[in-house]
Amino acid sequence: MTSAAESITESLHRTRQLMVQEVERSASTLTTFEESRSVLRKAESEYKGHRSLLMRTRRLLTTMKRQDVLDRVILVVGFLFFASAVLYVVSKRVGLLKLHRKLTAAIKAGSIGLKEIGPEKMTSGAQNGLDLVKNDGIGDPNMEVPSTRMHDEL
């Protein structure tokens, strides 16, 4: 009977040892669980902080994209305005030069006299271009050359 009691005592002692080990393991698991919970709370608070930062960043990027589109539109409109101004100036200059050359050639050739061109038939460019024409002895020497200076409207 003593040997059976010793055997049962040994068995109870091993069971107690296993239960103590299991309680220690459970305590360790609870400690790890609490640490994980605190890490998750910190991660959540950081995420909330980063979320507001991300939202501000997203708004700034949207504003920058809008500003980029506006800047491009302003550049295109400015370039078109500049190009149209350059084309206008060039067309005015070339137009006056062509008119001046034609008028000079016609006067030099003697096919047209200044008295034949009345002020009502002249354009403002032709009136302004006549004072640059010199009398080279070709044509009527008594011809009148207007004394007004050429006005550059550009």
N, C-alpha and C. Protein backbone atom coordinates (compact mmCIF):
# COMPACT_ATOMS: atom_id res chain seq x y z
N MET A 1 0.81 -1.15 0.00
CA MET A 1 0.00 0.00 0.00
C MET A 1 0.88 1.26 0.00
N THR A 2 2.00 1.21 0.70
CA THR A 2 2.91 2.33 0.69
C THR A 2 3.47 2.58 -0.69
N SER A 3 3.77 1.52 -1.39
CA SER A 3 4.31 1.74 -2.73
C SER A 3 3.25 2.36 -3.65
N ALA A 4 1.99 2.00 -3.47
CA ALA A 4 0.94 2.59 -4.28
C ALA A 4 0.78 4.05 -3.89
N ALA A 5 0.89 4.34 -2.58
CA ALA A 5 0.76 5.71 -2.14
C ALA A 5 1.93 6.54 -2.65
N GLU A 6 3.12 5.95 -2.62
CA GLU A 6 4.30 6.65 -3.15
C GLU A 6 4.14 6.90 -4.64
N SER A 7 3.61 5.93 -5.33
CA SER A 7 3.40 6.06 -6.77
C SER A 7 2.39 7.18 -7.06
N ILE A 8 1.33 7.23 -6.26
CA ILE A 8 0.31 8.27 -6.46
C ILE A 8 0.91 9.63 -6.08
N THR A 9 1.71 9.68 -5.03
CA THR A 9 2.33 10.93 -4.62
C THR A 9 3.29 11.42 -5.71
N GLU A 10 4.06 10.49 -6.26
CA GLU A 10 4.96 10.84 -7.37
C GLU A 10 4.16 11.38 -8.55
N SER A 11 3.07 10.73 -8.84
CA SER A 11 2.22 11.14 -9.96
C SER A 11 1.63 12.52 -9.70
N LEU A 12 1.18 12.77 -8.47
CA LEU A 12 0.62 14.07 -8.12
C LEU A 12 1.71 15.15 -8.16
N HIS A 13 2.92 14.78 -7.73
CA HIS A 13 4.04 15.71 -7.77
C HIS A 13 4.36 16.12 -9.23
N ARG A 14 4.38 15.15 -10.13
CA ARG A 14 4.62 15.46 -11.57
C ARG A 14 3.48 16.31 -12.14
N THR A 15 2.27 16.00 -11.75
CA THR A 15 1.11 16.77 -12.24
C THR A 15 1.22 18.21 -11.74
N ARG A 16 1.61 18.35 -10.44
CA ARG A 16 1.78 19.69 -9.89
C ARG A 16 2.87 20.44 -10.66
N GLN A 17 3.96 19.75 -10.95
CA GLN A 17 5.06 20.37 -11.70
C GLN A 17 4.57 20.81 -13.08
N LEU A 18 3.82 19.98 -13.76
CA LEU A 18 3.28 20.33 -15.08
C LEU A 18 2.32 21.52 -14.98
N MET A 19 1.52 21.56 -13.92
CA MET A 19 0.58 22.67 -13.76
C MET A 19 1.33 23.97 -13.47
N VAL A 20 2.41 23.92 -12.69
CA VAL A 20 3.20 25.11 -12.41
C VAL A 20 3.84 25.62 -13.71
N GLN A 21 4.35 24.69 -14.52
CA GLN A 21 4.94 25.08 -15.81
C GLN A 21 3.87 25.70 -16.71
N GLU A 22 2.68 25.14 -16.71
CA GLU A 22 1.60 25.66 -17.56
C GLU A 22 1.17 27.05 -17.08
N VAL A 23 1.11 27.28 -15.78
CA VAL A 23 0.76 28.59 -15.23
C VAL A 23 1.84 29.60 -15.61
N GLU A 24 3.10 29.23 -15.53
CA GLU A 24 4.19 30.13 -15.92
C GLU A 24 4.11 30.47 -17.41
N ARG A 25 3.81 29.46 -18.21
CA ARG A 25 3.66 29.68 -19.65
C ARG A 25 2.47 30.61 -19.92
N SER A 26 1.37 30.43 -19.21
CA SER A 26 0.19 31.30 -19.38
C SER A 26 0.52 32.73 -18.96
N ALA A 27 1.27 32.87 -17.87
CA ALA A 27 1.67 34.21 -17.42
C ALA A 27 2.57 34.87 -18.47
N SER A 28 3.46 34.10 -19.02
CA SER A 28 4.34 34.62 -20.08
C SER A 28 3.52 35.02 -21.31
N THR A 29 2.54 34.22 -21.64
CA THR A 29 1.67 34.53 -22.78
C THR A 29 0.88 35.81 -22.51
N LEU A 30 0.37 35.97 -21.30
CA LEU A 30 -0.36 37.19 -20.95
C LEU A 30 0.55 38.42 -21.01
N THR A 31 1.77 38.28 -20.55
CA THR A 31 2.72 39.39 -20.61
C THR A 31 3.00 39.77 -22.07
N THR A 32 3.21 38.76 -22.90
CA THR A 32 3.45 39.01 -24.32
C THR A 32 2.22 39.65 -24.96
N PHE A 33 1.04 39.18 -24.55
CA PHE A 33 -0.20 39.74 -25.08
C PHE A 33 -0.34 41.20 -24.69
N GLU A 34 -0.04 41.55 -23.45
CA GLU A 34 -0.10 42.95 -23.01
C GLU A 34 0.90 43.81 -23.76
N GLU A 35 2.10 43.31 -23.97
CA GLU A 35 3.11 44.05 -24.75
C GLU A 35 2.62 44.28 -26.18
N SER A 36 2.03 43.25 -26.76
CA SER A 36 1.51 43.37 -28.12
C SER A 36 0.39 44.41 -28.18
N ARG A 37 -0.46 44.40 -27.15
CA ARG A 37 -1.56 45.36 -27.10
C ARG A 37 -1.01 46.79 -27.02
N SER A 38 0.02 47.02 -26.21
CA SER A 38 0.58 48.37 -26.09
C SER A 38 1.26 48.79 -27.41
N VAL A 39 1.91 47.83 -28.07
CA VAL A 39 2.54 48.13 -29.37
C VAL A 39 1.45 48.48 -30.39
N LEU A 40 0.35 47.76 -30.36
CA LEU A 40 -0.75 48.04 -31.30
C LEU A 40 -1.37 49.41 -31.02
N ARG A 41 -1.49 49.78 -29.75
CA ARG A 41 -2.03 51.10 -29.41
C ARG A 41 -1.10 52.20 -29.92
N LYS A 42 0.20 52.01 -29.73
CA LYS A 42 1.16 53.00 -30.24
C LYS A 42 1.08 53.09 -31.76
N ALA A 43 0.98 51.93 -32.41
CA ALA A 43 0.88 51.93 -33.88
C ALA A 43 -0.39 52.64 -34.33
N GLU A 44 -1.48 52.44 -33.59
CA GLU A 44 -2.73 53.11 -33.95
C GLU A 44 -2.62 54.62 -33.80
N SER A 45 -2.00 55.06 -32.71
CA SER A 45 -1.85 56.51 -32.52
C SER A 45 -0.92 57.10 -33.59
N GLU A 46 0.13 56.38 -33.95
CA GLU A 46 1.02 56.86 -35.02
C GLU A 46 0.27 56.89 -36.35
N TYR A 47 -0.55 55.88 -36.59
CA TYR A 47 -1.32 55.85 -37.83
C TYR A 47 -2.27 57.04 -37.89
N LYS A 48 -2.91 57.36 -36.77
CA LYS A 48 -3.81 58.52 -36.75
C LYS A 48 -3.05 59.80 -37.02
N GLY A 49 -1.84 59.92 -36.45
CA GLY A 49 -1.01 61.10 -36.71
C GLY A 49 -0.58 61.17 -38.17
N HIS A 50 -0.20 60.03 -38.71
CA HIS A 50 0.21 60.00 -40.12
C HIS A 50 -0.97 60.20 -41.05
N ARG A 51 -2.14 59.75 -40.63
CA ARG A 51 -3.32 59.92 -41.48
C ARG A 51 -3.62 61.39 -41.70
N SER A 52 -3.54 62.19 -40.63
CA SER A 52 -3.78 63.63 -40.79
C SER A 52 -2.69 64.25 -41.66
N LEU A 53 -1.46 63.79 -41.47
CA LEU A 53 -0.36 64.28 -42.31
C LEU A 53 -0.58 63.89 -43.78
N LEU A 54 -1.02 62.67 -43.99
CA LEU A 54 -1.29 62.22 -45.36
C LEU A 54 -2.43 63.00 -46.00
N MET A 55 -3.45 63.33 -45.21
CA MET A 55 -4.56 64.11 -45.76
C MET A 55 -4.10 65.51 -46.14
N ARG A 56 -3.27 66.12 -45.27
CA ARG A 56 -2.74 67.45 -45.61
C ARG A 56 -1.86 67.38 -46.86
N THR A 57 -1.05 66.33 -46.94
CA THR A 57 -0.19 66.16 -48.11
C THR A 57 -1.02 65.98 -49.37
N ARG A 58 -2.08 65.22 -49.28
CA ARG A 58 -2.96 65.00 -50.43
C ARG A 58 -3.60 66.31 -50.88
N ARG A 59 -4.04 67.13 -49.92
CA ARG A 59 -4.62 68.43 -50.27
C ARG A 59 -3.59 69.33 -50.93
N LEU A 60 -2.36 69.31 -50.39
CA LEU A 60 -1.30 70.13 -50.99
C LEU A 60 -0.98 69.68 -52.41
N LEU A 61 -0.94 68.37 -52.62
CA LEU A 61 -0.67 67.86 -53.97
C LEU A 61 -1.79 68.26 -54.94
N THR A 62 -3.01 68.21 -54.48
CA THR A 62 -4.13 68.62 -55.33
C THR A 62 -4.01 70.10 -55.68
N THR A 63 -3.66 70.91 -54.69
CA THR A 63 -3.48 72.35 -54.93
C THR A 63 -2.33 72.58 -55.91
N MET A 64 -1.25 71.84 -55.74
CA MET A 64 -0.10 72.01 -56.64
C MET A 64 -0.45 71.59 -58.07
N LYS A 65 -1.22 70.53 -58.23
CA LYS A 65 -1.63 70.10 -59.57
C LYS A 65 -2.50 71.18 -60.21
N ARG A 66 -3.43 71.73 -59.44
CA ARG A 66 -4.28 72.79 -59.96
C ARG A 66 -3.45 74.01 -60.37
N GLN A 67 -2.48 74.37 -59.54
CA GLN A 67 -1.61 75.51 -59.84
C GLN A 67 -0.77 75.23 -61.08
N ASP A 68 -0.33 73.97 -61.25
CA ASP A 68 0.45 73.61 -62.43
C ASP A 68 -0.37 73.78 -63.70
N VAL A 69 -1.62 73.35 -63.65
CA VAL A 69 -2.50 73.51 -64.82
C VAL A 69 -2.72 74.99 -65.11
N LEU A 70 -2.95 75.78 -64.07
CA LEU A 70 -3.16 77.21 -64.25
C LEU A 70 -1.90 77.88 -64.83
N ASP A 71 -0.73 77.50 -64.33
CA ASP A 71 0.52 78.05 -64.85
C ASP A 71 0.71 77.71 -66.32
N ARG A 72 0.39 76.47 -66.68
CA ARG A 72 0.52 76.07 -68.10
C ARG A 72 -0.42 76.88 -68.98
N VAL A 73 -1.65 77.09 -68.52
CA VAL A 73 -2.62 77.87 -69.30
C VAL A 73 -2.11 79.30 -69.46
N ILE A 74 -1.59 79.88 -68.39
CA ILE A 74 -1.07 81.25 -68.46
C ILE A 74 0.10 81.32 -69.43
N LEU A 75 1.00 80.32 -69.38
CA LEU A 75 2.13 80.31 -70.31
C LEU A 75 1.67 80.20 -71.76
N VAL A 76 0.72 79.33 -72.03
CA VAL A 76 0.24 79.16 -73.40
C VAL A 76 -0.44 80.44 -73.89
N VAL A 77 -1.28 81.02 -73.06
CA VAL A 77 -1.96 82.26 -73.46
C VAL A 77 -0.94 83.38 -73.67
N GLY A 78 0.03 83.48 -72.78
CA GLY A 78 1.07 84.50 -72.93
C GLY A 78 1.88 84.31 -74.20
N PHE A 79 2.24 83.04 -74.49
CA PHE A 79 2.99 82.78 -75.72
C PHE A 79 2.16 83.11 -76.95
N LEU A 80 0.88 82.74 -76.95
CA LEU A 80 0.02 83.06 -78.09
C LEU A 80 -0.12 84.58 -78.26
N PHE A 81 -0.26 85.29 -77.16
CA PHE A 81 -0.34 86.75 -77.23
C PHE A 81 0.95 87.33 -77.79
N PHE A 82 2.09 86.85 -77.30
CA PHE A 82 3.38 87.32 -77.78
C PHE A 82 3.56 87.01 -79.27
N ALA A 83 3.22 85.78 -79.67
CA ALA A 83 3.36 85.39 -81.08
C ALA A 83 2.46 86.24 -81.97
N SER A 84 1.23 86.50 -81.50
CA SER A 84 0.33 87.33 -82.32
C SER A 84 0.86 88.76 -82.42
N ALA A 85 1.45 89.29 -81.34
CA ALA A 85 2.01 90.64 -81.39
C ALA A 85 3.19 90.68 -82.36
N VAL A 86 4.04 89.65 -82.32
CA VAL A 86 5.19 89.59 -83.24
C VAL A 86 4.70 89.50 -84.68
N LEU A 87 3.71 88.65 -84.92
CA LEU A 87 3.17 88.53 -86.28
C LEU A 87 2.56 89.85 -86.75
N TYR A 88 1.86 90.56 -85.86
CA TYR A 88 1.28 91.84 -86.22
C TYR A 88 2.37 92.84 -86.59
N VAL A 89 3.41 92.93 -85.77
CA VAL A 89 4.49 93.87 -86.03
C VAL A 89 5.19 93.53 -87.34
N VAL A 90 5.48 92.25 -87.55
CA VAL A 90 6.16 91.84 -88.79
C VAL A 90 5.28 92.13 -89.99
N SER A 91 3.99 91.82 -89.88
CA SER A 91 3.12 92.07 -91.04
C SER A 91 3.02 93.57 -91.34
N LYS A 92 2.98 94.41 -90.30
CA LYS A 92 2.95 95.85 -90.54
C LYS A 92 4.24 96.32 -91.18
N ARG A 93 5.37 95.86 -90.69
CA ARG A 93 6.66 96.29 -91.24
C ARG A 93 6.83 95.81 -92.67
N VAL A 94 6.54 94.57 -92.92
CA VAL A 94 6.69 94.03 -94.27
C VAL A 94 5.71 94.69 -95.21
N GLY A 95 4.48 94.93 -94.75
CA GLY A 95 3.47 95.59 -95.58
C GLY A 95 3.91 96.99 -95.97
N LEU A 96 4.44 97.77 -95.04
CA LEU A 96 4.91 99.13 -95.35
C LEU A 96 6.11 99.10 -96.28
N LEU A 97 7.00 98.15 -96.07
CA LEU A 97 8.18 98.06 -96.93
C LEU A 97 7.79 97.70 -98.36
N LYS A 98 6.86 96.78 -98.52
CA LYS A 98 6.42 96.40 -99.87
C LYS A 98 5.75 97.59 -100.56
N LEU A 99 4.87 98.28 -99.81
CA LEU A 99 4.20 99.45 -100.38
C LEU A 99 5.22 100.51 -100.76
N HIS A 100 6.19 100.75 -99.92
CA HIS A 100 7.23 101.76 -100.19
C HIS A 100 8.05 101.38 -101.42
N ARG A 101 8.43 100.12 -101.53
CA ARG A 101 9.21 99.67 -102.69
C ARG A 101 8.41 99.82 -103.98
N LYS A 102 7.14 99.43 -103.94
CA LYS A 102 6.30 99.53 -105.14
C LYS A 102 6.13 100.99 -105.56
N LEU A 103 5.87 101.84 -104.59
CA LEU A 103 5.68 103.25 -104.89
C LEU A 103 6.96 103.87 -105.43
N THR A 104 8.09 103.54 -104.83
CA THR A 104 9.37 104.07 -105.29
C THR A 104 9.67 103.59 -106.70
N ALA A 105 9.43 102.33 -106.95
CA ALA A 105 9.68 101.79 -108.29
C ALA A 105 8.78 102.45 -109.32
N ALA A 106 7.52 102.68 -108.96
CA ALA A 106 6.59 103.29 -109.90
C ALA A 106 6.99 104.74 -110.19
N ILE A 107 7.42 105.47 -109.17
CA ILE A 107 7.83 106.87 -109.36
C ILE A 107 9.10 106.93 -110.17
N LYS A 108 10.06 106.06 -109.90
CA LYS A 108 11.33 106.06 -110.63
C LYS A 108 11.11 105.67 -112.09
N ALA A 109 10.19 104.80 -112.31
CA ALA A 109 9.93 104.37 -113.68
C ALA A 109 9.16 105.44 -114.44
N GLY A 110 8.62 106.41 -113.73
CA GLY A 110 7.89 107.48 -114.37
C GLY A 110 6.49 107.10 -114.74
N SER A 111 6.05 105.94 -114.33
CA SER A 111 4.70 105.53 -114.69
C SER A 111 3.66 106.20 -113.81
N ILE A 112 4.09 106.78 -112.72
CA ILE A 112 3.15 107.45 -111.85
C ILE A 112 3.80 108.72 -111.33
N GLY A 113 3.07 109.78 -111.27
CA GLY A 113 3.57 111.04 -110.72
C GLY A 113 2.88 111.31 -109.41
N LEU A 114 3.46 112.17 -108.64
CA LEU A 114 2.86 112.46 -107.35
C LEU A 114 1.58 113.26 -107.48
N LYS A 115 1.45 114.04 -108.56
CA LYS A 115 0.22 114.83 -108.72
C LYS A 115 -0.95 113.93 -109.10
N GLU A 116 -0.63 112.76 -109.69
CA GLU A 116 -1.70 111.82 -110.04
C GLU A 116 -2.27 111.13 -108.82
N ILE A 117 -1.47 111.08 -107.78
CA ILE A 117 -1.94 110.42 -106.55
C ILE A 117 -2.50 111.49 -105.64
N GLY A 118 -3.78 111.54 -105.54
CA GLY A 118 -4.41 112.50 -104.66
C GLY A 118 -4.46 111.97 -103.24
N PRO A 119 -4.63 112.86 -102.30
CA PRO A 119 -4.68 112.41 -100.91
C PRO A 119 -5.82 111.44 -100.63
N GLU A 120 -6.90 111.59 -101.41
CA GLU A 120 -8.03 110.69 -101.18
C GLU A 120 -7.74 109.28 -101.67
N LYS A 121 -6.77 109.12 -102.61
CA LYS A 121 -6.44 107.80 -103.14
C LYS A 121 -5.33 107.13 -102.33
N MET A 122 -4.67 107.91 -101.52
CA MET A 122 -3.54 107.35 -100.77
C MET A 122 -4.03 106.74 -99.46
N THR A 123 -3.37 105.68 -99.09
CA THR A 123 -3.59 105.15 -97.74
C THR A 123 -2.64 105.88 -96.82
N SER A 124 -2.82 105.72 -95.55
CA SER A 124 -1.93 106.43 -94.62
C SER A 124 -0.51 105.93 -94.79
N GLY A 125 -0.34 104.65 -95.13
CA GLY A 125 1.01 104.12 -95.34
C GLY A 125 1.64 104.72 -96.58
N ALA A 126 0.83 104.96 -97.62
CA ALA A 126 1.37 105.54 -98.85
C ALA A 126 1.72 107.00 -98.60
N GLN A 127 0.90 107.74 -97.86
CA GLN A 127 1.20 109.15 -97.57
C GLN A 127 2.49 109.24 -96.75
N ASN A 128 2.63 108.37 -95.79
CA ASN A 128 3.82 108.40 -94.96
C ASN A 128 5.05 107.95 -95.73
N GLY A 129 4.88 107.09 -96.72
CA GLY A 129 6.02 106.58 -97.47
C GLY A 129 6.52 107.53 -98.53
N LEU A 130 5.72 108.53 -98.93
CA LEU A 130 6.12 109.44 -100.01
C LEU A 130 7.25 110.37 -99.59
N ASP A 131 7.34 110.72 -98.32
CA ASP A 131 8.37 111.66 -97.93
C ASP A 131 9.75 111.01 -97.94
N LEU A 132 9.83 109.71 -98.08
CA LEU A 132 11.13 109.04 -98.15
C LEU A 132 11.63 108.93 -99.59
N VAL A 133 10.75 109.16 -100.53
CA VAL A 133 11.13 109.04 -101.94
C VAL A 133 11.92 110.29 -102.34
N LYS A 134 13.09 110.07 -102.94
CA LYS A 134 13.91 111.20 -103.38
C LYS A 134 13.73 111.40 -104.88
N ASN A 135 13.84 112.61 -105.28
CA ASN A 135 13.75 112.92 -106.69
C ASN A 135 15.15 112.76 -107.29
N ASP A 136 15.35 111.72 -108.08
CA ASP A 136 16.65 111.43 -108.69
C ASP A 136 16.78 112.05 -110.07
N GLY A 137 15.94 112.97 -110.39
CA GLY A 137 15.99 113.58 -111.71
C GLY A 137 15.12 112.83 -112.70
N ILE A 138 14.53 111.76 -112.26
CA ILE A 138 13.63 111.00 -113.12
C ILE A 138 12.23 111.49 -112.82
N GLY A 139 11.48 111.73 -113.81
CA GLY A 139 10.11 112.20 -113.63
C GLY A 139 10.07 113.72 -113.63
N ASP A 140 9.01 114.26 -113.15
CA ASP A 140 8.78 115.70 -113.15
C ASP A 140 9.63 116.37 -112.08
N PRO A 141 10.55 117.29 -112.47
CA PRO A 141 11.39 117.94 -111.46
C PRO A 141 10.62 118.93 -110.60
N ASN A 142 9.46 119.35 -111.04
CA ASN A 142 8.66 120.31 -110.26
C ASN A 142 7.68 119.61 -109.32
N MET A 143 7.85 118.33 -109.28
CA MET A 143 6.88 117.59 -108.48
C MET A 143 7.08 117.91 -107.01
N GLU A 144 5.93 117.95 -106.30
CA GLU A 144 5.96 118.28 -104.88
C GLU A 144 6.07 117.00 -104.07
N VAL A 145 7.01 117.04 -103.13
CA VAL A 145 7.14 115.91 -102.22
C VAL A 145 6.62 116.38 -100.87
N PRO A 146 5.69 115.67 -100.30
CA PRO A 146 5.15 116.11 -99.01
C PRO A 146 6.28 116.19 -97.98
N SER A 147 6.18 117.20 -97.14
CA SER A 147 7.25 117.43 -96.18
C SER A 147 6.98 116.77 -94.83
N THR A 148 5.93 116.02 -94.72
CA THR A 148 5.63 115.37 -93.43
C THR A 148 6.58 114.20 -93.23
N ARG A 149 6.93 114.00 -92.01
CA ARG A 149 7.80 112.88 -91.66
C ARG A 149 6.97 111.60 -91.57
N MET A 150 7.66 110.50 -91.83
CA MET A 150 6.98 109.20 -91.73
C MET A 150 6.75 108.89 -90.24
N HIS A 151 5.56 108.52 -89.93
CA HIS A 151 5.22 108.22 -88.54
C HIS A 151 5.23 106.70 -88.37
N ASP A 152 6.07 106.24 -87.47
CA ASP A 152 6.14 104.81 -87.22
C ASP A 152 5.14 104.46 -86.12
N GLU A 153 4.08 103.74 -86.48
CA GLU A 153 3.05 103.42 -85.53
C GLU A 153 3.39 102.18 -84.72
N LEU A 154 4.50 101.58 -85.01
CA LEU A 154 4.89 100.41 -84.25
C LEU A 154 5.94 100.83 -83.30
